[in-house]
């Protein structure tokens, strides 16, 4: 589902990205509220909200996930889904590096090599492509730091996203009420209401998968999303794949292969993200 989500954002590309973002926040908050209420899980959320420290971290997470969503929506709408998929290929490797810098985690040689090869992929695209691949870099860093912030709060993905969208909701409502009217084609309102379901349903399945599968298996599966995004960009959107992009993707896939091989040989499960796009 996460791999095919560019098809949805392509369908609403006539709406400005910042308005799509506000609708995604609104309808995600509504849908997640219904899900949590039906599952009688509010009792798991209220204790987390009693801590000022938790609220600060969740507020920071809200800003980071909003930035990540906005960049991704813009990338799809502007015909740059390939670069967005590159960002999500890089993200797990960046998360390893962030863990070393901010959490004092030690990297094994294979992890060092994987991170360096991924960095080479970005540098190659900057030097041989049309400039710094800011979409890929921004997506990787915003989601990497989002994961870092979320590690500070003991709350699951679904509940955390509900709190984060609730924090963003006032701004989203004001924007939709006063600025979105003349910029949203009438036929798109129905599509925009689906953004909550498209955000939450994959997350629910992700949570179920975490309970059923090994972390190492989840680690492998996290590459399905960006791979499908890559294929959608190439085969459905027909985005151009020049030599510089081919080399950068090749280097990124090599980095992932090194990273996965290192994880398997060291018997260490790969870290997994909470929620991509």
Foldseek 3Di string as FASTA:
>chain_A
DLQPCLVLLQVQLLFQLVLLLLLLLVLQLVVLVVVCVVVVPVVVQVVLVVDPLSLVLLQLLLVLVSQLSSLCSVCSSVLNLLLQLLLLLLQLLVLVVVCCVPVVDDDDPLSVVLNVLLVVLQVLCQVVHPHRSCSSVSNSVSQSVSQVSCVVGPDALSSSSNSSSVSVNVVSVVCCVPPRVVSGDPVCPVSSSCSNVVQVVVLVVVVVCVVPDDLQVLQVVSSVNSVSSNCCSCPVVVRDQDPSNVVSVVSSVVSVVSVNVVCVVVVHRRDDGNGHD
